[in-house]
């Protein structure tokens, strides 16, 4: 348990480093926007004397409080870690353009921010801000997180177009946000469902571990066509994100189990989103 917390914290910190590099080396030097709270903080920083890192931290506070109530302490705890690390790094990483071309900067900046955010999501956290709002939405509606975030960023895009009076800048920022959303969905993969069929001789041992997880399990009686031996088949629907943990449980409990994993097109009925 302690090792898992340490690993997740390290992953969150790595994600925060990647995000801060995306901001200070690609987006901020060209006055491009990232999505969500970071985009709002950048807008304020570009058009006022307020510091971007300070605004990023301040705006995140009420959203994290809402996340604490809706999503739980662990999720928000990791999100707070990400916000704090990003805030600190924004102060220490120099704001210098790696690429002189605005379009290239928007693509690579979006890629870095998306990878860092997706990494945070994979270990059970987020980068704060609209990510928390997106997670609240997807917990109750089966939408990809990245798509939700892109939808919420429309207002930020319109704001920079109006304030800068430059649609090139706005469109480049939109491209950056799109890349960020796609990369988050690719890395996060929490909205992709799979159905796992497990044929095992150790049904009770496996059930004892599987039923602790938030996913339901169906027990089906089967018989081998050649051996005529009766066995149990366990069926469960889970997410690609949780699949690695499920594989580990099966290997530890019954290395001889036959496992068939099928990607699921859709789920109806009771399925816990979180």
Protein backbone atom coordinates (compact mmCIF):
# COMPACT_ATOMS: atom_id res chain seq x y z
CA UNK A 1 0.00 0.00 0.00
CA UNK A 2 2.79 2.41 0.94
CA UNK A 3 4.74 1.52 -2.21
CA UNK A 4 1.62 2.14 -4.30
CA UNK A 5 1.17 5.61 -2.76
CA UNK A 6 4.85 6.41 -3.36
CA UNK A 7 4.64 5.25 -7.00
CA UNK A 8 1.49 7.27 -7.63
CA UNK A 9 3.02 10.35 -6.03
CA UNK A 10 6.13 10.00 -8.20
CA UNK A 11 3.94 9.65 -11.32
CA UNK A 12 1.98 12.77 -10.31
CA UNK A 13 5.22 14.73 -9.83
CA UNK A 14 6.58 13.56 -13.22
CA UNK A 15 3.30 14.59 -14.83
CA UNK A 16 3.50 18.00 -13.16
CA UNK A 17 7.07 18.50 -14.43
CA UNK A 18 5.98 17.68 -18.00
CA UNK A 19 3.00 20.06 -17.72
CA UNK A 20 5.12 22.93 -16.37
CA UNK A 21 7.62 22.43 -19.22
CA UNK A 22 4.75 22.53 -21.72
CA UNK A 23 3.59 25.82 -20.24
CA UNK A 24 6.87 27.70 -19.84
CA UNK A 25 8.76 26.36 -22.87
CA UNK A 26 6.01 26.23 -25.48
CA UNK A 27 2.73 27.97 -24.62
CA UNK A 28 3.45 31.00 -22.42
CA UNK A 29 6.32 32.43 -24.58
CA UNK A 30 3.87 32.73 -27.51
CA UNK A 31 0.93 33.91 -25.36
CA UNK A 32 -0.89 30.69 -26.19
CA UNK A 33 -3.47 29.24 -23.85
CA UNK A 34 -3.82 25.88 -22.25
CA UNK A 35 -7.25 24.67 -21.26
CA UNK A 36 -9.19 25.11 -18.05
CA UNK A 37 -7.86 26.88 -14.98
CA UNK A 38 -4.35 27.14 -16.41
CA UNK A 39 -5.81 28.95 -19.44
CA UNK A 40 -7.74 31.33 -17.20
CA UNK A 41 -4.57 31.95 -15.14
CA UNK A 42 -2.63 32.63 -18.35
CA UNK A 43 -5.28 35.08 -19.56
CA UNK A 44 -5.09 36.98 -16.27
CA UNK A 45 -1.28 36.90 -16.34
CA UNK A 46 -1.09 38.19 -19.94
CA UNK A 47 -3.41 41.14 -19.35
CA UNK A 48 -2.68 42.10 -15.73
CA UNK A 49 0.28 42.37 -13.34
CA UNK A 50 -0.78 39.19 -11.54
CA UNK A 51 1.56 36.20 -11.59
CA UNK A 52 0.37 33.20 -13.65
CA UNK A 53 1.57 30.61 -11.13
CA UNK A 54 -0.12 32.40 -8.23
CA UNK A 55 -3.40 32.72 -10.12
CA UNK A 56 -3.20 29.06 -11.14
CA UNK A 57 -2.97 28.08 -7.47
CA UNK A 58 -5.64 30.50 -6.21
CA UNK A 59 -8.28 29.58 -8.81
CA UNK A 60 -7.73 25.88 -8.15
CA UNK A 61 -8.56 26.12 -4.44
CA UNK A 62 -12.41 26.28 -4.63
CA UNK A 63 -12.48 23.62 -7.38
CA UNK A 64 -10.37 21.25 -5.30
CA UNK A 65 -12.70 21.82 -2.35
CA UNK A 66 -15.65 20.80 -4.56
CA UNK A 67 -13.68 17.77 -5.72
CA UNK A 68 -12.96 16.82 -2.11
CA UNK A 69 -16.71 16.64 -1.51
CA UNK A 70 -17.70 14.91 -4.77
CA UNK A 71 -14.71 12.72 -5.67
CA UNK A 72 -13.06 11.78 -2.39
CA UNK A 73 -9.90 12.54 -0.46
CA UNK A 74 -7.47 10.32 -2.38
CA UNK A 75 -8.28 11.78 -5.79
CA UNK A 76 -8.13 15.36 -4.57
CA UNK A 77 -5.03 14.66 -2.48
CA UNK A 78 -3.13 13.64 -5.59
CA UNK A 79 -4.63 16.57 -7.49
CA UNK A 80 -3.44 18.97 -4.80
CA UNK A 81 0.06 17.50 -5.11
CA UNK A 82 -0.02 18.13 -8.86
CA UNK A 83 -1.26 21.72 -8.45
CA UNK A 84 1.41 22.53 -5.84
CA UNK A 85 4.26 21.05 -7.91
CA UNK A 86 3.13 22.80 -11.11
CA UNK A 87 2.79 26.12 -9.21
CA UNK A 88 6.33 25.85 -7.87
CA UNK A 89 7.86 24.77 -11.19
CA UNK A 90 6.18 27.62 -13.08
CA UNK A 91 8.29 29.94 -10.92
CA UNK A 92 11.59 28.14 -11.50
CA UNK A 93 11.45 26.92 -15.09
CA UNK A 94 12.52 29.84 -17.32
CA UNK A 95 9.93 31.15 -19.80
CA UNK A 96 11.89 30.62 -23.01
CA UNK A 97 10.50 29.57 -26.39
CA UNK A 98 11.99 26.25 -27.52
CA UNK A 99 10.40 26.67 -30.98
CA UNK A 100 10.03 30.02 -32.72
CA UNK A 101 7.02 28.83 -34.72
CA UNK A 102 3.72 29.40 -32.90
CA UNK A 103 1.97 26.44 -34.55
CA UNK A 104 4.70 23.97 -33.61
CA UNK A 105 4.70 25.34 -30.07
CA UNK A 106 0.94 24.88 -29.80
CA UNK A 107 1.16 21.23 -30.91
CA UNK A 108 4.11 20.21 -28.74
CA UNK A 109 2.90 22.27 -25.79
CA UNK A 110 -0.48 20.55 -26.02
CA UNK A 111 1.20 17.17 -26.30
CA UNK A 112 3.25 17.72 -23.13
CA UNK A 113 0.31 19.09 -21.14
CA UNK A 114 -1.89 16.21 -22.33
CA UNK A 115 0.71 13.58 -21.45
CA UNK A 116 1.25 15.05 -17.99
CA UNK A 117 -2.48 15.29 -17.35
CA UNK A 118 -3.15 11.78 -18.68
CA UNK A 119 -0.40 10.36 -16.48
CA UNK A 120 -1.98 12.00 -13.44
CA UNK A 121 -5.38 10.55 -14.35
CA UNK A 122 -3.92 7.04 -14.79
CA UNK A 123 -2.67 6.90 -11.22
CA UNK A 124 -5.92 8.21 -9.77
CA UNK A 125 -5.34 11.94 -9.61
CA UNK A 126 -5.65 14.94 -11.90
CA UNK A 127 -4.01 18.29 -12.59
CA UNK A 128 -6.77 20.14 -10.75
CA UNK A 129 -8.99 22.80 -12.31
CA UNK A 130 -11.30 21.72 -15.10
CA UNK A 131 -9.85 18.19 -14.82
CA UNK A 132 -11.68 17.88 -11.49
CA UNK A 133 -14.89 19.22 -13.05
CA UNK A 134 -14.42 16.82 -15.97
CA UNK A 135 -14.00 13.89 -13.58
CA UNK A 136 -17.19 14.85 -11.72
CA UNK A 137 -19.07 14.92 -15.04
CA UNK A 138 -17.66 11.60 -16.31
CA UNK A 139 -18.41 9.90 -13.00
CA UNK A 140 -22.11 10.39 -13.78
CA UNK A 141 -22.01 10.43 -17.60
CA UNK A 142 -19.98 8.02 -19.74
CA UNK A 143 -17.98 10.60 -21.74
CA UNK A 144 -14.23 10.60 -22.44
CA UNK A 145 -12.52 12.98 -20.00
CA UNK A 146 -10.50 14.77 -22.70
CA UNK A 147 -13.63 15.50 -24.73
CA UNK A 148 -15.35 17.01 -21.70
CA UNK A 149 -12.35 19.26 -21.06
CA UNK A 150 -12.20 20.47 -24.67
CA UNK A 151 -15.91 21.35 -24.53
CA UNK A 152 -15.45 23.42 -21.36
CA UNK A 153 -12.53 25.35 -22.87
CA UNK A 154 -14.59 27.10 -25.56
CA UNK A 155 -15.16 30.16 -23.38
CA UNK A 156 -11.43 30.52 -22.74
CA UNK A 157 -10.74 30.42 -26.49
CA UNK A 158 -13.31 33.12 -27.21
CA UNK A 159 -11.84 35.28 -24.45
CA UNK A 160 -8.31 35.27 -25.89
CA UNK A 161 -9.67 36.00 -29.39
CA UNK A 162 -11.54 39.03 -28.04
CA UNK A 163 -8.79 40.38 -25.78
CA UNK A 164 -5.89 39.86 -28.22
CA UNK A 165 -8.01 40.60 -31.30
CA UNK A 166 -6.02 37.84 -32.98
CA UNK A 167 -7.82 34.75 -34.28
CA UNK A 168 -4.50 33.17 -35.29
CA UNK A 169 -3.56 33.08 -31.64
CA UNK A 170 -7.00 31.79 -30.68
CA UNK A 171 -6.96 29.03 -33.32
CA UNK A 172 -3.43 27.96 -32.32
CA UNK A 173 -4.60 27.78 -28.70
CA UNK A 174 -7.60 25.73 -29.83
CA UNK A 175 -5.26 23.33 -31.63
CA UNK A 176 -3.16 23.02 -28.48
CA UNK A 177 -6.24 22.21 -26.40
CA UNK A 178 -7.42 19.66 -28.95
CA UNK A 179 -4.04 17.90 -28.87
CA UNK A 180 -4.13 17.99 -25.07
CA UNK A 181 -7.59 16.41 -25.00
CA UNK A 182 -6.65 13.66 -27.46
CA UNK A 183 -3.45 12.79 -25.61
CA UNK A 184 -5.28 12.70 -22.26
CA UNK A 185 -7.82 10.25 -23.72
CA UNK A 186 -5.01 8.14 -25.21
CA UNK A 187 -3.00 7.96 -21.98
CA UNK A 188 -5.93 7.84 -19.59
CA UNK A 189 -8.16 5.26 -21.41
CA UNK A 190 -10.52 5.15 -18.41
CA UNK A 191 -13.61 5.45 -20.64
CA UNK A 192 -12.68 2.32 -22.67
CA UNK A 193 -14.51 -0.72 -21.27
CA UNK A 194 -13.45 -4.35 -21.55
CA UNK A 195 -15.22 -7.59 -20.63
CA UNK A 196 -13.01 -10.21 -18.96
CA UNK A 197 -13.93 -13.92 -18.94
CA UNK A 198 -11.95 -16.01 -16.44
CA UNK A 199 -12.14 -19.82 -16.42
CA UNK A 200 -10.63 -20.98 -13.13
CA UNK A 201 -10.37 -23.80 -10.62
CA UNK A 202 -9.90 -21.32 -7.77
CA UNK A 203 -13.23 -19.57 -7.87
CA UNK A 204 -13.61 -18.69 -4.20
CA UNK A 205 -10.06 -17.34 -3.87
CA UNK A 206 -10.50 -15.16 -6.94
CA UNK A 207 -13.94 -13.94 -5.88
CA UNK A 208 -12.57 -12.92 -2.48
CA UNK A 209 -10.19 -10.52 -4.23
CA UNK A 210 -12.38 -9.44 -7.13
CA UNK A 211 -15.39 -8.50 -5.02
CA UNK A 212 -13.29 -5.98 -3.10
CA UNK A 213 -13.02 -4.00 -6.35
CA UNK A 214 -15.80 -1.62 -7.47
CA UNK A 215 -16.86 -3.90 -10.38
CA UNK A 216 -19.49 -6.62 -10.27
CA UNK A 217 -18.69 -10.24 -11.08
CA UNK A 218 -20.98 -12.88 -12.63
CA UNK A 219 -20.34 -16.57 -11.86
CA UNK A 220 -21.16 -18.99 -14.70
CA UNK A 221 -20.97 -22.82 -14.60
CA UNK A 222 -19.04 -24.26 -17.56
CA UNK A 223 -17.92 -27.68 -18.80
CA UNK A 224 -14.89 -28.52 -20.92
CA UNK A 225 -15.90 -29.95 -24.33
CA UNK A 226 -13.05 -32.50 -24.35
CA UNK A 227 -12.40 -33.14 -20.66
CA UNK A 228 -16.07 -32.84 -19.58
CA UNK A 229 -14.66 -31.30 -16.42
CA UNK A 230 -16.87 -28.73 -14.72
CA UNK A 231 -15.37 -25.35 -13.96
CA UNK A 232 -16.48 -21.86 -13.04
CA UNK A 233 -16.22 -18.92 -15.41
CA UNK A 234 -16.18 -15.46 -13.89
CA UNK A 235 -17.26 -12.53 -16.04
CA UNK A 236 -16.63 -8.88 -15.17
CA UNK A 237 -16.73 -5.58 -17.05
CA UNK A 238 -13.99 -3.13 -16.16
CA UNK A 239 -12.00 -0.29 -17.72
CA UNK A 240 -8.72 -0.50 -19.63
CA UNK A 241 -7.25 1.68 -16.89
CA UNK A 242 -8.07 -0.97 -14.24
CA UNK A 243 -7.11 -3.94 -16.42
CA UNK A 244 -3.47 -4.07 -15.27
CA UNK A 245 -4.56 -4.44 -11.64
CA UNK A 246 -7.04 -7.18 -12.62
CA UNK A 247 -4.36 -9.10 -14.55
CA UNK A 248 -2.10 -9.01 -11.50
CA UNK A 249 -4.85 -10.36 -9.23
CA UNK A 250 -5.53 -13.26 -11.62
CA UNK A 251 -1.84 -14.17 -12.03
CA UNK A 252 -1.24 -14.13 -8.29
CA UNK A 253 -4.35 -16.18 -7.47
CA UNK A 254 -4.53 -18.67 -10.35
CA UNK A 255 -1.65 -18.58 -12.87
CA UNK A 256 -3.31 -21.48 -14.75
CA UNK A 257 -6.58 -19.62 -15.32
CA UNK A 258 -7.77 -19.16 -18.91
CA UNK A 259 -8.58 -15.49 -19.51
CA UNK A 260 -10.33 -13.95 -22.50
CA UNK A 261 -10.39 -10.13 -22.73
CA UNK A 262 -12.82 -8.48 -25.14
CA UNK A 263 -13.24 -4.74 -25.81
CA UNK A 264 -16.79 -3.67 -24.94
CA UNK A 265 -18.74 -1.42 -27.30
CA UNK A 266 -21.21 -0.21 -24.66
CA UNK A 267 -22.62 -0.91 -21.21
CA UNK A 268 -26.23 -0.67 -20.08
CA UNK A 269 -27.56 -1.02 -16.57
CA UNK A 270 -25.59 -0.64 -13.37
CA UNK A 271 -21.95 0.21 -14.01
CA UNK A 272 -19.98 2.35 -11.60
CA UNK A 273 -18.33 5.17 -13.56
CA UNK A 274 -15.66 6.14 -11.03
